[in-house]
Amino acid sequence: MISQTSAGDASRLEWFKSSYSDSSNSNECVEVASAPGTVHVRDSKDLPGPRLGFAPAVWTDFVTYAPSI
């Protein structure tokens, strides 16, 4: 995980929701945006709120593991 006080210019990020999101309640999901060197993750219910940033290799490891949980 990348620990920074700012995610940079978040207005330039293109956020998307997982295809596994519950379509009956669009407010219960995380959103992901990719930028050079960082994958950003945020809560779809709190768009201006805190975000997590992960190195691409760490995010790839997580995504590979996540479907099995």
N, C-alpha and C. Protein backbone atom coordinates (compact mmCIF):
# COMPACT_ATOMS: atom_id res chain seq x y z
N MET A 1 0.84 -1.16 0.00
CA MET A 1 0.00 0.00 0.00
C MET A 1 0.89 1.23 0.00
N ILE A 2 0.47 2.26 -0.68
CA ILE A 2 1.22 3.51 -0.76
C ILE A 2 0.60 4.48 0.24
N SER A 3 1.42 5.01 1.12
CA SER A 3 0.91 5.93 2.14
C SER A 3 1.27 7.35 1.76
N GLN A 4 0.26 8.12 1.35
CA GLN A 4 0.46 9.52 0.99
C GLN A 4 -0.70 10.33 1.56
N THR A 5 -0.45 11.60 1.84
CA THR A 5 -1.52 12.43 2.36
C THR A 5 -2.43 12.92 1.26
N SER A 6 -2.00 12.85 0.01
CA SER A 6 -2.81 13.32 -1.10
C SER A 6 -2.75 12.33 -2.25
N ALA A 7 -3.88 12.14 -2.91
CA ALA A 7 -3.91 11.26 -4.07
C ALA A 7 -3.61 12.02 -5.34
N GLY A 8 -3.13 13.25 -5.22
CA GLY A 8 -2.84 14.05 -6.40
C GLY A 8 -4.11 14.65 -6.96
N ASP A 9 -4.13 14.89 -8.25
CA ASP A 9 -5.29 15.49 -8.90
C ASP A 9 -6.31 14.40 -9.20
N ALA A 10 -7.19 14.14 -8.23
CA ALA A 10 -8.17 13.06 -8.36
C ALA A 10 -9.20 13.35 -9.43
N SER A 11 -9.34 14.59 -9.85
CA SER A 11 -10.32 14.91 -10.88
C SER A 11 -9.95 14.31 -12.23
N ARG A 12 -8.71 13.95 -12.42
CA ARG A 12 -8.26 13.35 -13.68
C ARG A 12 -8.42 11.83 -13.70
N LEU A 13 -8.71 11.25 -12.57
CA LEU A 13 -8.84 9.80 -12.50
C LEU A 13 -10.18 9.35 -13.07
N GLU A 14 -10.17 8.22 -13.76
CA GLU A 14 -11.40 7.64 -14.30
C GLU A 14 -11.77 6.45 -13.42
N TRP A 15 -12.79 6.64 -12.59
CA TRP A 15 -13.21 5.64 -11.62
C TRP A 15 -14.20 4.67 -12.24
N PHE A 16 -14.13 3.40 -11.83
CA PHE A 16 -15.11 2.42 -12.27
C PHE A 16 -15.42 1.46 -11.14
N LYS A 17 -16.60 0.85 -11.21
CA LYS A 17 -17.03 -0.12 -10.21
C LYS A 17 -16.80 -1.53 -10.72
N SER A 18 -16.66 -2.43 -9.81
CA SER A 18 -16.46 -3.84 -10.14
C SER A 18 -17.69 -4.42 -10.82
N SER A 19 -17.47 -5.35 -11.70
CA SER A 19 -18.58 -6.07 -12.32
C SER A 19 -19.27 -6.98 -11.31
N TYR A 20 -18.66 -7.18 -10.16
CA TYR A 20 -19.26 -7.97 -9.08
C TYR A 20 -20.14 -7.13 -8.17
N SER A 21 -20.28 -5.84 -8.45
CA SER A 21 -21.09 -4.96 -7.61
C SER A 21 -22.54 -5.41 -7.58
N ASP A 22 -23.18 -5.17 -6.47
CA ASP A 22 -24.60 -5.49 -6.32
C ASP A 22 -25.41 -4.45 -7.07
N SER A 23 -25.99 -4.82 -8.19
CA SER A 23 -26.73 -3.86 -9.01
C SER A 23 -28.01 -3.38 -8.35
N SER A 24 -28.51 -4.09 -7.33
CA SER A 24 -29.73 -3.66 -6.66
C SER A 24 -29.48 -2.50 -5.70
N ASN A 25 -28.22 -2.29 -5.31
CA ASN A 25 -27.88 -1.18 -4.42
C ASN A 25 -26.54 -0.61 -4.86
N SER A 26 -26.57 0.38 -5.72
CA SER A 26 -25.34 0.91 -6.31
C SER A 26 -24.47 1.66 -5.32
N ASN A 27 -24.94 1.87 -4.09
CA ASN A 27 -24.15 2.58 -3.09
C ASN A 27 -23.27 1.67 -2.26
N GLU A 28 -23.30 0.39 -2.51
CA GLU A 28 -22.50 -0.55 -1.72
C GLU A 28 -21.38 -1.13 -2.57
N CYS A 29 -20.39 -0.32 -2.84
CA CYS A 29 -19.32 -0.78 -3.71
C CYS A 29 -18.07 0.07 -3.50
N VAL A 30 -16.96 -0.48 -3.92
CA VAL A 30 -15.74 0.31 -4.01
C VAL A 30 -15.53 0.65 -5.47
N GLU A 31 -14.80 1.71 -5.70
CA GLU A 31 -14.45 2.12 -7.06
C GLU A 31 -12.94 2.12 -7.18
N VAL A 32 -12.46 1.88 -8.39
CA VAL A 32 -11.03 1.77 -8.66
C VAL A 32 -10.66 2.69 -9.81
N ALA A 33 -9.50 3.32 -9.71
CA ALA A 33 -8.96 4.14 -10.80
C ALA A 33 -7.47 3.84 -10.92
N SER A 34 -7.02 3.72 -12.14
CA SER A 34 -5.61 3.42 -12.38
C SER A 34 -4.88 4.68 -12.85
N ALA A 35 -3.70 4.87 -12.31
CA ALA A 35 -2.84 5.98 -12.71
C ALA A 35 -1.42 5.40 -12.82
N PRO A 36 -0.53 6.08 -13.51
CA PRO A 36 0.84 5.56 -13.61
C PRO A 36 1.44 5.31 -12.22
N GLY A 37 1.77 4.08 -11.95
CA GLY A 37 2.43 3.73 -10.69
C GLY A 37 1.51 3.50 -9.51
N THR A 38 0.20 3.75 -9.63
CA THR A 38 -0.71 3.61 -8.50
C THR A 38 -2.09 3.16 -8.95
N VAL A 39 -2.68 2.26 -8.18
CA VAL A 39 -4.09 1.91 -8.36
C VAL A 39 -4.81 2.49 -7.15
N HIS A 40 -5.77 3.38 -7.39
CA HIS A 40 -6.52 4.05 -6.33
C HIS A 40 -7.82 3.32 -6.07
N VAL A 41 -8.22 3.25 -4.79
CA VAL A 41 -9.47 2.60 -4.40
C VAL A 41 -10.20 3.55 -3.45
N ARG A 42 -11.54 3.70 -3.66
CA ARG A 42 -12.34 4.55 -2.79
C ARG A 42 -13.71 3.92 -2.54
N ASP A 43 -14.38 4.41 -1.53
CA ASP A 43 -15.74 3.99 -1.19
C ASP A 43 -16.72 4.77 -2.04
N SER A 44 -17.60 4.08 -2.74
CA SER A 44 -18.54 4.77 -3.64
C SER A 44 -19.56 5.62 -2.89
N LYS A 45 -19.70 5.41 -1.58
CA LYS A 45 -20.63 6.22 -0.79
C LYS A 45 -19.99 7.51 -0.29
N ASP A 46 -18.67 7.62 -0.40
CA ASP A 46 -17.95 8.77 0.15
C ASP A 46 -16.89 9.20 -0.86
N LEU A 47 -17.34 9.73 -2.00
CA LEU A 47 -16.42 10.04 -3.11
C LEU A 47 -15.28 10.97 -2.74
N PRO A 48 -15.51 12.05 -1.97
CA PRO A 48 -14.37 12.91 -1.63
C PRO A 48 -13.56 12.39 -0.43
N GLY A 49 -14.01 11.30 0.16
CA GLY A 49 -13.37 10.78 1.37
C GLY A 49 -12.03 10.15 1.11
N PRO A 50 -11.54 9.41 2.10
CA PRO A 50 -10.21 8.81 2.00
C PRO A 50 -10.12 7.78 0.87
N ARG A 51 -8.91 7.64 0.37
CA ARG A 51 -8.62 6.68 -0.68
C ARG A 51 -7.40 5.86 -0.29
N LEU A 52 -7.35 4.68 -0.84
CA LEU A 52 -6.15 3.85 -0.68
C LEU A 52 -5.42 3.85 -2.01
N GLY A 53 -4.11 3.76 -1.94
CA GLY A 53 -3.30 3.66 -3.15
C GLY A 53 -2.40 2.44 -3.06
N PHE A 54 -2.38 1.65 -4.11
CA PHE A 54 -1.58 0.43 -4.13
C PHE A 54 -0.64 0.43 -5.33
N ALA A 55 0.52 -0.14 -5.14
CA ALA A 55 1.43 -0.36 -6.27
C ALA A 55 0.75 -1.36 -7.20
N PRO A 56 0.93 -1.22 -8.51
CA PRO A 56 0.25 -2.12 -9.45
C PRO A 56 0.49 -3.61 -9.17
N ALA A 57 1.69 -3.99 -8.80
CA ALA A 57 1.97 -5.41 -8.52
C ALA A 57 1.19 -5.90 -7.31
N VAL A 58 1.04 -5.07 -6.31
CA VAL A 58 0.27 -5.44 -5.11
C VAL A 58 -1.20 -5.59 -5.48
N TRP A 59 -1.72 -4.67 -6.28
CA TRP A 59 -3.13 -4.74 -6.71
C TRP A 59 -3.37 -6.02 -7.54
N THR A 60 -2.44 -6.34 -8.42
CA THR A 60 -2.56 -7.56 -9.23
C THR A 60 -2.61 -8.79 -8.34
N ASP A 61 -1.76 -8.83 -7.32
CA ASP A 61 -1.78 -9.96 -6.38
C ASP A 61 -3.13 -10.05 -5.67
N PHE A 62 -3.67 -8.92 -5.23
CA PHE A 62 -4.97 -8.91 -4.56
C PHE A 62 -6.08 -9.40 -5.49
N VAL A 63 -6.14 -8.87 -6.69
CA VAL A 63 -7.20 -9.23 -7.64
C VAL A 63 -7.12 -10.72 -7.97
N THR A 64 -5.93 -11.26 -8.07
CA THR A 64 -5.76 -12.68 -8.33
C THR A 64 -6.30 -13.51 -7.18
N TYR A 65 -6.11 -13.04 -5.96
CA TYR A 65 -6.55 -13.75 -4.76
C TYR A 65 -8.04 -13.54 -4.47
N ALA A 66 -8.58 -12.36 -4.71
CA ALA A 66 -9.94 -11.97 -4.29
C ALA A 66 -11.05 -12.89 -4.77
N PRO A 67 -11.07 -13.36 -6.01
CA PRO A 67 -12.19 -14.21 -6.45
C PRO A 67 -12.31 -15.51 -5.64
N SER A 68 -11.24 -15.91 -4.98
CA SER A 68 -11.28 -17.17 -4.24
C SER A 68 -11.79 -17.00 -2.80
N ILE A 69 -12.03 -15.76 -2.37
CA ILE A 69 -12.51 -15.56 -1.00
C ILE A 69 -14.01 -15.38 -0.95
